[in-house]
Amino acid sequence: MTRSSPPPADAPRTAGRRKDPQIDSAALQATLELLAEIGYAEMSFSKVAERVGVHRPAIYRRWPSKQHLVAEAVGSALGHDPTPDTGDLRADLITGISTLVDSFEGTVVGNVLPALVADLAHHARLREDFLASVFQARRDSTARRLRRAAAQGEIRSDFDLEFTMDALAAPVYYRALFGHAPVTRKLAEQSVDLVLASLATR
């Protein structure tokens, strides 16, 4: 009988994944707490496991790397369905963008973002996972609201959806990354108003 080859180093460890949702939730919360207390560089699986009260394998079986754990924790703080549909397009878009403002200014996410973005640039698998599970999920929420507004004649229909979603969030991400100016709700309102002005029906 031949021995099977070991999995690649970057292959996800799926054994035990999602067997206990309480551990997943506790680990994500512990990660955010540790990021706030000791920072991205010092946070480790061992420290998360100690904080949660489980053995280290219970953590690394769920996430293939520390970076994956941090990315999912950041995603849990940002939320995956930020833009509601209340019938007021401006208010809905402001609500969606304000979830970024709240996360960057009210949690550790803003401090972690530069390091996480750097890791996304150097790890293709991590980038793909983050874009699929966090980034795209948030954009889908906004896209649905914009499509409905276009279908109802609130905004013109011949607009570039991808560019519009970039334009809505870009000022908030830019300030969060470079820290040259505050990230505020007013910024969210300014971004939305600028975009809506470009989408006005003729």
C-alpha atoms as a PDB file:
ATOM      1  CA  MET A   1       0.000   0.000   0.000  1.00  0.00           C
ATOM      2  CA  THR A   2       1.411   3.389  -0.979  1.00  0.00           C
ATOM      3  CA  ARG A   3       1.358   6.416   1.261  1.00  0.00           C
ATOM      4  CA  SER A   4      -0.645   9.365   0.031  1.00  0.00           C
ATOM      5  CA  SER A   5       1.210  12.610  -0.544  1.00  0.00           C
ATOM      6  CA  PRO A   6       0.779  15.307   2.102  1.00  0.00           C
ATOM      7  CA  PRO A   7      -1.463  18.237   1.179  1.00  0.00           C
ATOM      8  CA  PRO A   8       0.158  21.453  -0.070  1.00  0.00           C
ATOM      9  CA  ALA A   9       1.307  23.840   2.632  1.00  0.00           C
ATOM     10  CA  ASP A  10      -1.365  26.370   1.731  1.00  0.00           C
ATOM     11  CA  ALA A  11      -4.206  23.860   1.481  1.00  0.00           C
ATOM     12  CA  PRO A  12      -7.037  24.594   3.920  1.00  0.00           C
ATOM     13  CA  ARG A  13      -7.349  22.349   6.927  1.00  0.00           C
ATOM     14  CA  THR A  14     -10.989  21.401   6.751  1.00  0.00           C
ATOM     15  CA  ALA A  15     -11.137  18.662   9.388  1.00  0.00           C
ATOM     16  CA  GLY A  16     -13.362  19.859  12.171  1.00  0.00           C
ATOM     17  CA  ARG A  17     -14.412  22.985  10.313  1.00  0.00           C
ATOM     18  CA  ARG A  18     -17.821  24.231  11.422  1.00  0.00           C
ATOM     19  CA  LYS A  19     -18.409  21.329  13.799  1.00  0.00           C
ATOM     20  CA  ASP A  20     -19.035  23.769  16.617  1.00  0.00           C
ATOM     21  CA  PRO A  21     -20.302  27.203  15.509  1.00  0.00           C
ATOM     22  CA  GLN A  22     -19.777  28.486  19.047  1.00  0.00           C
ATOM     23  CA  ILE A  23     -16.038  27.923  18.745  1.00  0.00           C
ATOM     24  CA  ASP A  24     -16.013  29.726  15.392  1.00  0.00           C
ATOM     25  CA  SER A  25     -17.844  32.715  16.828  1.00  0.00           C
ATOM     26  CA  ALA A  26     -15.699  32.791  19.959  1.00  0.00           C
ATOM     27  CA  ALA A  27     -12.507  32.560  17.898  1.00  0.00           C
ATOM     28  CA  LEU A  28     -13.513  35.472  15.678  1.00  0.00           C
ATOM     29  CA  GLN A  29     -14.346  37.588  18.717  1.00  0.00           C
ATOM     30  CA  ALA A  30     -11.105  36.605  20.422  1.00  0.00           C
ATOM     31  CA  THR A  31      -9.191  37.522  17.289  1.00  0.00           C
ATOM     32  CA  LEU A  32     -10.667  41.017  17.229  1.00  0.00           C
ATOM     33  CA  GLU A  33      -9.908  41.443  20.923  1.00  0.00           C
ATOM     34  CA  LEU A  34      -6.313  40.303  20.530  1.00  0.00           C
ATOM     35  CA  LEU A  35      -5.782  42.499  17.490  1.00  0.00           C
ATOM     36  CA  ALA A  36      -6.844  45.461  19.606  1.00  0.00           C
ATOM     37  CA  GLU A  37      -4.664  44.426  22.550  1.00  0.00           C
ATOM     38  CA  ILE A  38      -1.433  43.162  20.985  1.00  0.00           C
ATOM     39  CA  GLY A  39      -1.680  43.925  17.264  1.00  0.00           C
ATOM     40  CA  TYR A  40      -1.580  41.968  14.028  1.00  0.00           C
ATOM     41  CA  ALA A  41       2.041  40.826  14.194  1.00  0.00           C
ATOM     42  CA  GLU A  42       1.798  39.349  17.711  1.00  0.00           C
ATOM     43  CA  MET A  43      -1.574  37.663  17.327  1.00  0.00           C
ATOM     44  CA  SER A  44      -1.311  33.879  16.883  1.00  0.00           C
ATOM     45  CA  PHE A  45      -3.391  30.717  16.789  1.00  0.00           C
ATOM     46  CA  SER A  46      -2.034  29.816  20.214  1.00  0.00           C
ATOM     47  CA  LYS A  47      -3.181  33.084  21.758  1.00  0.00           C
ATOM     48  CA  VAL A  48      -6.618  32.776  20.158  1.00  0.00           C
ATOM     49  CA  ALA A  49      -6.971  29.194  21.408  1.00  0.00           C
ATOM     50  CA  GLU A  50      -5.951  30.261  24.909  1.00  0.00           C
ATOM     51  CA  ARG A  51      -8.467  33.099  24.887  1.00  0.00           C
ATOM     52  CA  VAL A  52     -11.263  30.809  23.675  1.00  0.00           C
ATOM     53  CA  GLY A  53     -10.298  27.994  26.068  1.00  0.00           C
ATOM     54  CA  VAL A  54      -9.655  25.281  23.478  1.00  0.00           C
ATOM     55  CA  HIS A  55      -6.611  23.405  22.217  1.00  0.00           C
ATOM     56  CA  ARG A  56      -4.673  24.993  19.360  1.00  0.00           C
ATOM     57  CA  PRO A  57      -5.712  22.317  16.793  1.00  0.00           C
ATOM     58  CA  ALA A  58      -9.329  23.389  17.243  1.00  0.00           C
ATOM     59  CA  ILE A  59      -8.316  26.730  15.721  1.00  0.00           C
ATOM     60  CA  TYR A  60      -5.899  25.750  12.977  1.00  0.00           C
ATOM     61  CA  ARG A  61      -8.247  23.014  11.708  1.00  0.00           C
ATOM     62  CA  ARG A  62     -10.789  25.746  11.010  1.00  0.00           C
ATOM     63  CA  TRP A  63      -8.534  28.283   9.265  1.00  0.00           C
ATOM     64  CA  PRO A  64      -5.583  27.472   6.985  1.00  0.00           C
ATOM     65  CA  SER A  65      -3.531  30.425   8.236  1.00  0.00           C
ATOM     66  CA  LYS A  66      -3.502  33.268  10.715  1.00  0.00           C
ATOM     67  CA  GLN A  67      -4.206  35.613   7.838  1.00  0.00           C
ATOM     68  CA  HIS A  68      -7.366  33.683   6.932  1.00  0.00           C
ATOM     69  CA  LEU A  69      -8.552  33.925  10.536  1.00  0.00           C
ATOM     70  CA  VAL A  70      -7.908  37.681  10.621  1.00  0.00           C
ATOM     71  CA  ALA A  71      -9.626  38.159   7.264  1.00  0.00           C
ATOM     72  CA  GLU A  72     -12.743  36.342   8.465  1.00  0.00           C
ATOM     73  CA  ALA A  73     -12.726  38.288  11.721  1.00  0.00           C
ATOM     74  CA  VAL A  74     -12.513  41.536   9.767  1.00  0.00           C
ATOM     75  CA  GLY A  75     -15.365  40.332   7.578  1.00  0.00           C
ATOM     76  CA  SER A  76     -17.491  39.589  10.623  1.00  0.00           C
ATOM     77  CA  ALA A  77     -16.884  43.128  11.886  1.00  0.00           C
ATOM     78  CA  LEU A  78     -17.646  44.738   8.523  1.00  0.00           C
ATOM     79  CA  GLY A  79     -20.803  42.718   7.885  1.00  0.00           C
ATOM     80  CA  HIS A  80     -21.834  41.045   4.646  1.00  0.00           C
ATOM     81  CA  ASP A  81     -25.175  42.670   3.782  1.00  0.00           C
ATOM     82  CA  PRO A  82     -24.709  46.377   4.553  1.00  0.00           C
ATOM     83  CA  THR A  83     -27.106  48.128   2.195  1.00  0.00           C
ATOM     84  CA  PRO A  84     -30.810  47.908   3.065  1.00  0.00           C
ATOM     85  CA  ASP A  85     -33.761  48.588   0.779  1.00  0.00           C
ATOM     86  CA  THR A  86     -36.126  50.925   2.600  1.00  0.00           C
ATOM     87  CA  GLY A  87     -37.324  52.840  -0.444  1.00  0.00           C
ATOM     88  CA  ASP A  88     -34.999  55.800   0.209  1.00  0.00           C
ATOM     89  CA  LEU A  89     -31.982  55.266  -2.058  1.00  0.00           C
ATOM     90  CA  ARG A  90     -29.797  57.995  -0.579  1.00  0.00           C
ATOM     91  CA  ALA A  91     -30.450  56.851   2.990  1.00  0.00           C
ATOM     92  CA  ASP A  92     -29.854  53.209   2.044  1.00  0.00           C
ATOM     93  CA  LEU A  93     -26.516  53.932   0.392  1.00  0.00           C
ATOM     94  CA  ILE A  94     -25.401  56.101   3.301  1.00  0.00           C
ATOM     95  CA  THR A  95     -26.319  53.285   5.685  1.00  0.00           C
ATOM     96  CA  GLY A  96     -24.252  50.835   3.646  1.00  0.00           C
ATOM     97  CA  ILE A  97     -21.160  53.045   3.445  1.00  0.00           C
ATOM     98  CA  SER A  98     -21.522  54.034   7.091  1.00  0.00           C
ATOM     99  CA  THR A  99     -20.966  50.424   8.121  1.00  0.00           C
ATOM    100  CA  LEU A 100     -17.416  50.894   6.828  1.00  0.00           C
ATOM    101  CA  VAL A 101     -17.093  54.140   8.759  1.00  0.00           C
ATOM    102  CA  ASP A 102     -18.318  52.494  11.956  1.00  0.00           C
ATOM    103  CA  SER A 103     -15.932  49.558  11.569  1.00  0.00           C
ATOM    104  CA  PHE A 104     -12.879  51.623  10.695  1.00  0.00           C
ATOM    105  CA  GLU A 105     -13.434  54.187  13.427  1.00  0.00           C
ATOM    106  CA  GLY A 106     -15.173  52.142  16.118  1.00  0.00           C
ATOM    107  CA  THR A 107     -13.297  48.832  16.006  1.00  0.00           C
ATOM    108  CA  VAL A 108      -9.776  47.561  15.460  1.00  0.00           C
ATOM    109  CA  VAL A 109     -10.479  46.953  11.761  1.00  0.00           C
ATOM    110  CA  GLY A 110      -9.074  50.312  10.690  1.00  0.00           C
ATOM    111  CA  ASN A 111      -5.737  49.552  12.361  1.00  0.00           C
ATOM    112  CA  VAL A 112      -5.547  46.080  10.861  1.00  0.00           C
ATOM    113  CA  LEU A 113      -6.535  47.059   7.324  1.00  0.00           C
ATOM    114  CA  PRO A 114      -3.078  48.113   5.989  1.00  0.00           C
ATOM    115  CA  ALA A 115      -1.405  44.894   7.136  1.00  0.00           C
ATOM    116  CA  LEU A 116      -4.263  42.766   5.842  1.00  0.00           C
ATOM    117  CA  VAL A 117      -4.215  44.504   2.448  1.00  0.00           C
ATOM    118  CA  ALA A 118      -0.466  43.854   2.239  1.00  0.00           C
ATOM    119  CA  ASP A 119      -1.052  40.156   2.897  1.00  0.00           C
ATOM    120  CA  LEU A 120      -3.843  40.050   0.316  1.00  0.00           C
ATOM    121  CA  ALA A 121      -1.386  41.374  -2.261  1.00  0.00           C
ATOM    122  CA  HIS A 122       1.141  38.619  -1.557  1.00  0.00           C
ATOM    123  CA  HIS A 123      -1.133  35.602  -1.030  1.00  0.00           C
ATOM    124  CA  ALA A 124      -3.362  34.792  -3.992  1.00  0.00           C
ATOM    125  CA  ARG A 125      -5.444  32.185  -2.148  1.00  0.00           C
ATOM    126  CA  LEU A 126      -6.112  34.534   0.756  1.00  0.00           C
ATOM    127  CA  ARG A 127      -7.055  37.334  -1.639  1.00  0.00           C
ATOM    128  CA  GLU A 128      -9.480  35.109  -3.534  1.00  0.00           C
ATOM    129  CA  ASP A 129     -11.133  33.921  -0.324  1.00  0.00           C
ATOM    130  CA  PHE A 130     -11.459  37.446   1.071  1.00  0.00           C
ATOM    131  CA  LEU A 131     -12.830  38.883  -2.153  1.00  0.00           C
ATOM    132  CA  ALA A 132     -15.401  36.100  -2.446  1.00  0.00           C
ATOM    133  CA  SER A 133     -16.575  35.912   1.164  1.00  0.00           C
ATOM    134  CA  VAL A 134     -16.351  39.540   2.290  1.00  0.00           C
ATOM    135  CA  PHE A 135     -15.678  42.079  -0.446  1.00  0.00           C
ATOM    136  CA  GLN A 136     -18.022  40.698  -3.108  1.00  0.00           C
ATOM    137  CA  ALA A 137     -20.762  39.881  -0.622  1.00  0.00           C
ATOM    138  CA  ARG A 138     -20.861  43.524   0.469  1.00  0.00           C
ATOM    139  CA  ARG A 139     -20.835  44.750  -3.128  1.00  0.00           C
ATOM    140  CA  ASP A 140     -23.692  42.410  -4.071  1.00  0.00           C
ATOM    141  CA  SER A 141     -25.822  44.064  -1.399  1.00  0.00           C
ATOM    142  CA  THR A 142     -25.190  47.515  -2.887  1.00  0.00           C
ATOM    143  CA  ALA A 143     -25.562  46.264  -6.463  1.00  0.00           C
ATOM    144  CA  ARG A 144     -29.043  44.908  -5.761  1.00  0.00           C
ATOM    145  CA  ARG A 145     -30.124  48.276  -4.380  1.00  0.00           C
ATOM    146  CA  LEU A 146     -28.714  50.206  -7.333  1.00  0.00           C
ATOM    147  CA  ARG A 147     -30.306  47.872  -9.881  1.00  0.00           C
ATOM    148  CA  ARG A 148     -33.683  48.256  -8.219  1.00  0.00           C
ATOM    149  CA  ALA A 149     -33.324  52.036  -8.209  1.00  0.00           C
ATOM    150  CA  ALA A 150     -32.492  51.981 -11.926  1.00  0.00           C
ATOM    151  CA  ALA A 151     -35.435  49.700 -12.685  1.00  0.00           C
ATOM    152  CA  GLN A 152     -37.765  52.113 -10.881  1.00  0.00           C
ATOM    153  CA  GLY A 153     -36.383  55.152 -12.671  1.00  0.00           C
ATOM    154  CA  GLU A 154     -34.765  56.713  -9.601  1.00  0.00           C
ATOM    155  CA  ILE A 155     -31.401  56.806 -11.356  1.00  0.00           C
ATOM    156  CA  ARG A 156     -30.412  56.453 -14.981  1.00  0.00           C
ATOM    157  CA  SER A 157     -30.003  52.910 -16.203  1.00  0.00           C
ATOM    158  CA  ASP A 158     -26.940  53.403 -18.439  1.00  0.00           C
ATOM    159  CA  PHE A 159     -24.383  53.544 -15.646  1.00  0.00           C
ATOM    160  CA  ASP A 160     -21.245  51.538 -14.932  1.00  0.00           C
ATOM    161  CA  LEU A 161     -22.230  49.423 -11.937  1.00  0.00           C
ATOM    162  CA  GLU A 162     -18.716  48.329 -10.961  1.00  0.00           C
ATOM    163  CA  PHE A 163     -17.316  51.854 -11.149  1.00  0.00           C
ATOM    164  CA  THR A 164     -20.253  53.226  -9.181  1.00  0.00           C
ATOM    165  CA  MET A 165     -19.714  50.781  -6.338  1.00  0.00           C
ATOM    166  CA  ASP A 166     -15.992  51.579  -6.345  1.00  0.00           C
ATOM    167  CA  ALA A 167     -16.750  55.303  -6.226  1.00  0.00           C
ATOM    168  CA  LEU A 168     -19.116  54.925  -3.274  1.00  0.00           C
ATOM    169  CA  ALA A 169     -16.607  53.199  -1.008  1.00  0.00           C
ATOM    170  CA  ALA A 170     -13.242  54.414  -2.314  1.00  0.00           C
ATOM    171  CA  PRO A 171     -12.974  57.624  -0.228  1.00  0.00           C
ATOM    172  CA  VAL A 172     -13.583  55.684   2.993  1.00  0.00           C
ATOM    173  CA  TYR A 173     -11.035  52.971   2.156  1.00  0.00           C
ATOM    174  CA  TYR A 174      -8.507  55.589   1.017  1.00  0.00           C
ATOM    175  CA  ARG A 175      -8.655  57.504   4.275  1.00  0.00           C
ATOM    176  CA  ALA A 176      -8.655  54.316   6.332  1.00  0.00           C
ATOM    177  CA  LEU A 177      -5.501  53.112   4.566  1.00  0.00           C
ATOM    178  CA  PHE A 178      -3.503  56.353   4.634  1.00  0.00           C
ATOM    179  CA  GLY A 179      -4.927  58.090   7.697  1.00  0.00           C
ATOM    180  CA  HIS A 180      -4.490  61.569   6.233  1.00  0.00           C
ATOM    181  CA  ALA A 181      -8.017  62.672   7.193  1.00  0.00           C
ATOM    182  CA  PRO A 182     -10.758  61.391   9.484  1.00  0.00           C
ATOM    183  CA  VAL A 183     -13.207  58.692   8.433  1.00  0.00           C
ATOM    184  CA  THR A 184     -16.606  60.126   9.321  1.00  0.00           C
ATOM    185  CA  ARG A 185     -20.281  59.777   8.538  1.00  0.00           C
ATOM    186  CA  LYS A 186     -20.038  63.096   6.697  1.00  0.00           C
ATOM    187  CA  LEU A 187     -17.546  61.442   4.353  1.00  0.00           C
ATOM    188  CA  ALA A 188     -20.071  58.685   3.681  1.00  0.00           C
ATOM    189  CA  GLU A 189     -22.737  61.280   2.897  1.00  0.00           C
ATOM    190  CA  GLN A 190     -20.403  63.239   0.614  1.00  0.00           C
ATOM    191  CA  SER A 191     -19.466  60.080  -1.287  1.00  0.00           C
ATOM    192  CA  VAL A 192     -23.084  59.066  -1.780  1.00  0.00           C
ATOM    193  CA  ASP A 193     -24.200  62.541  -2.842  1.00  0.00           C
ATOM    194  CA  LEU A 194     -21.392  62.829  -5.381  1.00  0.00           C
ATOM    195  CA  VAL A 195     -22.255  59.466  -6.902  1.00  0.00           C
ATOM    196  CA  LEU A 196     -25.995  60.144  -6.960  1.00  0.00           C
ATOM    197  CA  ALA A 197     -25.393  63.450  -8.726  1.00  0.00           C
ATOM    198  CA  SER A 198     -23.681  61.539 -11.529  1.00  0.00           C
ATOM    199  CA  LEU A 199     -26.588  59.064 -11.711  1.00  0.00           C
ATOM    200  CA  ALA A 200     -29.389  61.625 -11.919  1.00  0.00           C
ATOM    201  CA  THR A 201     -31.903  60.937 -14.671  1.00  0.00           C
ATOM    202  CA  ARG A 202     -31.825  63.355 -17.570  1.00  0.00           C
END
